[in-house]
Amino acid sequence: MYARDDGAGAEMWQRLPDRSLTEAAAESFRMLADPTRLRILWLLCGAEYDVGTLAERTDAARPAVSQHLAKLRMTGLVRSRREGRRVYYRARGGHVRRLLGEAIEAATHHLSGLPDHD
């Protein structure tokens, strides 16, 4: 089920989701409240990266990137795979990409004064 703003889905917004779902979603939003984590996740939406490359691309210290990745993994926003001694990270699917894309789009509209979509 997708959250839609159209009239057909309006009824969905009248029923509260289960408490465990709202708590998990809130934890994900807490993870997205850090600009460095947002930049890391943005990169991971497009490709797989290791810690060193993410640190270089985001201009953040390797230990900080490792901590951010651990938090993103803990909340299910990022997945990892090991190849030899390296661990590669990637955003966890289309829901995460759409969530991040919508957040950036909303910020773009807010900062530029563009009207909201109905």
C-alpha atoms as a PDB file:
ATOM      1  CA  MET A   1       0.000   0.000   0.000  1.00  0.00           C
ATOM      2  CA  TYR A   2       1.313   3.443  -0.906  1.00  0.00           C
ATOM      3  CA  ALA A   3       0.501   6.672   0.902  1.00  0.00           C
ATOM      4  CA  ARG A   4      -1.260   8.796  -1.702  1.00  0.00           C
ATOM      5  CA  ASP A   5      -2.795  12.216  -1.499  1.00  0.00           C
ATOM      6  CA  ASP A   6      -5.526  11.561  -4.069  1.00  0.00           C
ATOM      7  CA  GLY A   7      -9.185  11.228  -3.161  1.00  0.00           C
ATOM      8  CA  ALA A   8      -9.205   7.438  -3.480  1.00  0.00           C
ATOM      9  CA  GLY A   9      -6.641   7.136  -0.689  1.00  0.00           C
ATOM     10  CA  ALA A  10      -8.101   9.826   1.598  1.00  0.00           C
ATOM     11  CA  GLU A  11      -9.856   7.196   3.703  1.00  0.00           C
ATOM     12  CA  MET A  12      -6.495   5.653   4.551  1.00  0.00           C
ATOM     13  CA  TRP A  13      -5.442   8.836   6.365  1.00  0.00           C
ATOM     14  CA  GLN A  14      -8.411   8.505   8.732  1.00  0.00           C
ATOM     15  CA  ARG A  15      -7.099   5.246  10.264  1.00  0.00           C
ATOM     16  CA  LEU A  16      -4.041   5.432  12.469  1.00  0.00           C
ATOM     17  CA  PRO A  17      -1.293   2.931  11.724  1.00  0.00           C
ATOM     18  CA  ASP A  18      -0.284   0.461  14.409  1.00  0.00           C
ATOM     19  CA  ARG A  19       1.806   2.008  17.192  1.00  0.00           C
ATOM     20  CA  SER A  20       4.813  -0.203  16.389  1.00  0.00           C
ATOM     21  CA  LEU A  21       4.787   1.135  12.820  1.00  0.00           C
ATOM     22  CA  THR A  22       4.649   4.777  13.898  1.00  0.00           C
ATOM     23  CA  GLU A  23       7.477   4.187  16.382  1.00  0.00           C
ATOM     24  CA  ALA A  24       9.650   2.563  13.701  1.00  0.00           C
ATOM     25  CA  ALA A  25       8.851   5.374  11.263  1.00  0.00           C
ATOM     26  CA  ALA A  26       9.681   8.015  13.890  1.00  0.00           C
ATOM     27  CA  GLU A  27      13.028   6.330  14.517  1.00  0.00           C
ATOM     28  CA  SER A  28      13.761   6.471  10.788  1.00  0.00           C
ATOM     29  CA  PHE A  29      12.909  10.176  10.737  1.00  0.00           C
ATOM     30  CA  ARG A  30      15.236  10.733  13.720  1.00  0.00           C
ATOM     31  CA  MET A  31      18.015   9.141  11.681  1.00  0.00           C
ATOM     32  CA  LEU A  32      17.249  11.502   8.806  1.00  0.00           C
ATOM     33  CA  ALA A  33      17.459  14.551  11.081  1.00  0.00           C
ATOM     34  CA  ASP A  34      21.250  14.738  10.653  1.00  0.00           C
ATOM     35  CA  PRO A  35      22.577  16.493   7.502  1.00  0.00           C
ATOM     36  CA  THR A  36      25.598  14.192   7.195  1.00  0.00           C
ATOM     37  CA  ARG A  37      23.389  11.106   7.371  1.00  0.00           C
ATOM     38  CA  LEU A  38      21.133  12.641   4.714  1.00  0.00           C
ATOM     39  CA  ARG A  39      24.117  13.189   2.407  1.00  0.00           C
ATOM     40  CA  ILE A  40      25.370   9.647   3.028  1.00  0.00           C
ATOM     41  CA  LEU A  41      21.940   8.176   2.365  1.00  0.00           C
ATOM     42  CA  TRP A  42      21.537  10.298  -0.759  1.00  0.00           C
ATOM     43  CA  LEU A  43      24.724   8.810  -2.203  1.00  0.00           C
ATOM     44  CA  LEU A  44      23.656   5.306  -1.165  1.00  0.00           C
ATOM     45  CA  CYS A  45      20.389   5.718  -3.048  1.00  0.00           C
ATOM     46  CA  GLY A  46      22.366   5.837  -6.284  1.00  0.00           C
ATOM     47  CA  ALA A  47      25.166   3.331  -5.744  1.00  0.00           C
ATOM     48  CA  GLU A  48      27.074   1.130  -3.346  1.00  0.00           C
ATOM     49  CA  TYR A  49      29.948   2.672  -1.390  1.00  0.00           C
ATOM     50  CA  ASP A  50      32.438   1.683   1.258  1.00  0.00           C
ATOM     51  CA  VAL A  51      33.164   3.795   4.339  1.00  0.00           C
ATOM     52  CA  GLY A  52      36.295   5.399   2.924  1.00  0.00           C
ATOM     53  CA  THR A  53      34.602   6.554  -0.257  1.00  0.00           C
ATOM     54  CA  LEU A  54      31.612   7.901   1.662  1.00  0.00           C
ATOM     55  CA  ALA A  55      33.923   9.785   4.022  1.00  0.00           C
ATOM     56  CA  GLU A  56      35.717  11.339   1.061  1.00  0.00           C
ATOM     57  CA  ARG A  57      32.521  12.206  -0.833  1.00  0.00           C
ATOM     58  CA  THR A  58      30.787  13.756   2.209  1.00  0.00           C
ATOM     59  CA  ASP A  59      33.912  15.422   3.629  1.00  0.00           C
ATOM     60  CA  ALA A  60      33.352  13.651   6.959  1.00  0.00           C
ATOM     61  CA  ALA A  61      35.734  11.675   9.156  1.00  0.00           C
ATOM     62  CA  ARG A  62      35.777   7.885   8.626  1.00  0.00           C
ATOM     63  CA  PRO A  63      34.841   7.109  12.253  1.00  0.00           C
ATOM     64  CA  ALA A  64      31.868   9.483  12.026  1.00  0.00           C
ATOM     65  CA  VAL A  65      30.721   7.884   8.744  1.00  0.00           C
ATOM     66  CA  SER A  66      31.010   4.435  10.321  1.00  0.00           C
ATOM     67  CA  GLN A  67      28.844   5.548  13.244  1.00  0.00           C
ATOM     68  CA  HIS A  68      26.275   7.103  10.910  1.00  0.00           C
ATOM     69  CA  LEU A  69      26.141   3.917   8.834  1.00  0.00           C
ATOM     70  CA  ALA A  70      25.641   1.798  11.942  1.00  0.00           C
ATOM     71  CA  LYS A  71      22.656   3.930  12.925  1.00  0.00           C
ATOM     72  CA  LEU A  72      21.206   3.842   9.413  1.00  0.00           C
ATOM     73  CA  ARG A  73      21.572   0.049   9.345  1.00  0.00           C
ATOM     74  CA  MET A  74      20.017  -0.288  12.796  1.00  0.00           C
ATOM     75  CA  THR A  75      16.867   1.484  11.600  1.00  0.00           C
ATOM     76  CA  GLY A  76      16.689  -0.476   8.344  1.00  0.00           C
ATOM     77  CA  LEU A  77      17.432   2.424   6.005  1.00  0.00           C
ATOM     78  CA  VAL A  78      20.705   0.915   4.758  1.00  0.00           C
ATOM     79  CA  ARG A  79      21.898  -2.602   4.008  1.00  0.00           C
ATOM     80  CA  SER A  80      25.444  -3.879   3.725  1.00  0.00           C
ATOM     81  CA  ARG A  81      27.390  -6.670   2.110  1.00  0.00           C
ATOM     82  CA  ARG A  82      30.927  -7.857   2.723  1.00  0.00           C
ATOM     83  CA  GLU A  83      33.397  -8.434  -0.084  1.00  0.00           C
ATOM     84  CA  GLY A  84      36.678  -9.657   1.340  1.00  0.00           C
ATOM     85  CA  ARG A  85      37.777  -7.170   3.961  1.00  0.00           C
ATOM     86  CA  ARG A  86      35.527  -4.384   2.667  1.00  0.00           C
ATOM     87  CA  VAL A  87      31.932  -3.690   3.550  1.00  0.00           C
ATOM     88  CA  TYR A  88      29.743  -1.989   0.972  1.00  0.00           C
ATOM     89  CA  TYR A  89      26.581  -0.085   1.815  1.00  0.00           C
ATOM     90  CA  ARG A  90      23.480   0.780  -0.180  1.00  0.00           C
ATOM     91  CA  ALA A  91      20.081   2.338   0.570  1.00  0.00           C
ATOM     92  CA  ARG A  92      17.470  -0.275   1.351  1.00  0.00           C
ATOM     93  CA  GLY A  93      15.140  -0.180  -1.652  1.00  0.00           C
ATOM     94  CA  GLY A  94      12.684   2.100  -3.360  1.00  0.00           C
ATOM     95  CA  HIS A  95      10.798   3.194  -0.257  1.00  0.00           C
ATOM     96  CA  VAL A  96      13.948   4.770   1.168  1.00  0.00           C
ATOM     97  CA  ARG A  97      14.806   6.429  -2.162  1.00  0.00           C
ATOM     98  CA  ARG A  98      11.297   7.853  -2.488  1.00  0.00           C
ATOM     99  CA  LEU A  99      11.256   9.038   1.142  1.00  0.00           C
ATOM    100  CA  LEU A 100      14.564  10.840   0.744  1.00  0.00           C
ATOM    101  CA  GLY A 101      13.621  12.229  -2.663  1.00  0.00           C
ATOM    102  CA  GLU A 102      10.355  13.631  -1.304  1.00  0.00           C
ATOM    103  CA  ALA A 103      12.153  15.187   1.681  1.00  0.00           C
ATOM    104  CA  ILE A 104      14.651  16.940  -0.589  1.00  0.00           C
ATOM    105  CA  GLU A 105      11.878  17.999  -2.978  1.00  0.00           C
ATOM    106  CA  ALA A 106       9.848  19.451  -0.074  1.00  0.00           C
ATOM    107  CA  ALA A 107      12.937  21.361   1.104  1.00  0.00           C
ATOM    108  CA  THR A 108      13.498  22.647  -2.439  1.00  0.00           C
ATOM    109  CA  HIS A 109       9.922  23.932  -2.609  1.00  0.00           C
ATOM    110  CA  HIS A 110      10.172  25.497   0.840  1.00  0.00           C
ATOM    111  CA  LEU A 111      13.486  27.267   0.247  1.00  0.00           C
ATOM    112  CA  SER A 112      12.653  28.460  -3.270  1.00  0.00           C
ATOM    113  CA  GLY A 113       9.060  29.479  -2.559  1.00  0.00           C
ATOM    114  CA  LEU A 114       7.650  27.065  -5.145  1.00  0.00           C
ATOM    115  CA  PRO A 115       3.995  26.156  -4.573  1.00  0.00           C
ATOM    116  CA  ASP A 116       3.110  22.783  -3.061  1.00  0.00           C
ATOM    117  CA  HIS A 117       1.730  19.988  -5.200  1.00  0.00           C
ATOM    118  CA  ASP A 118      -1.884  19.064  -4.631  1.00  0.00           C
END
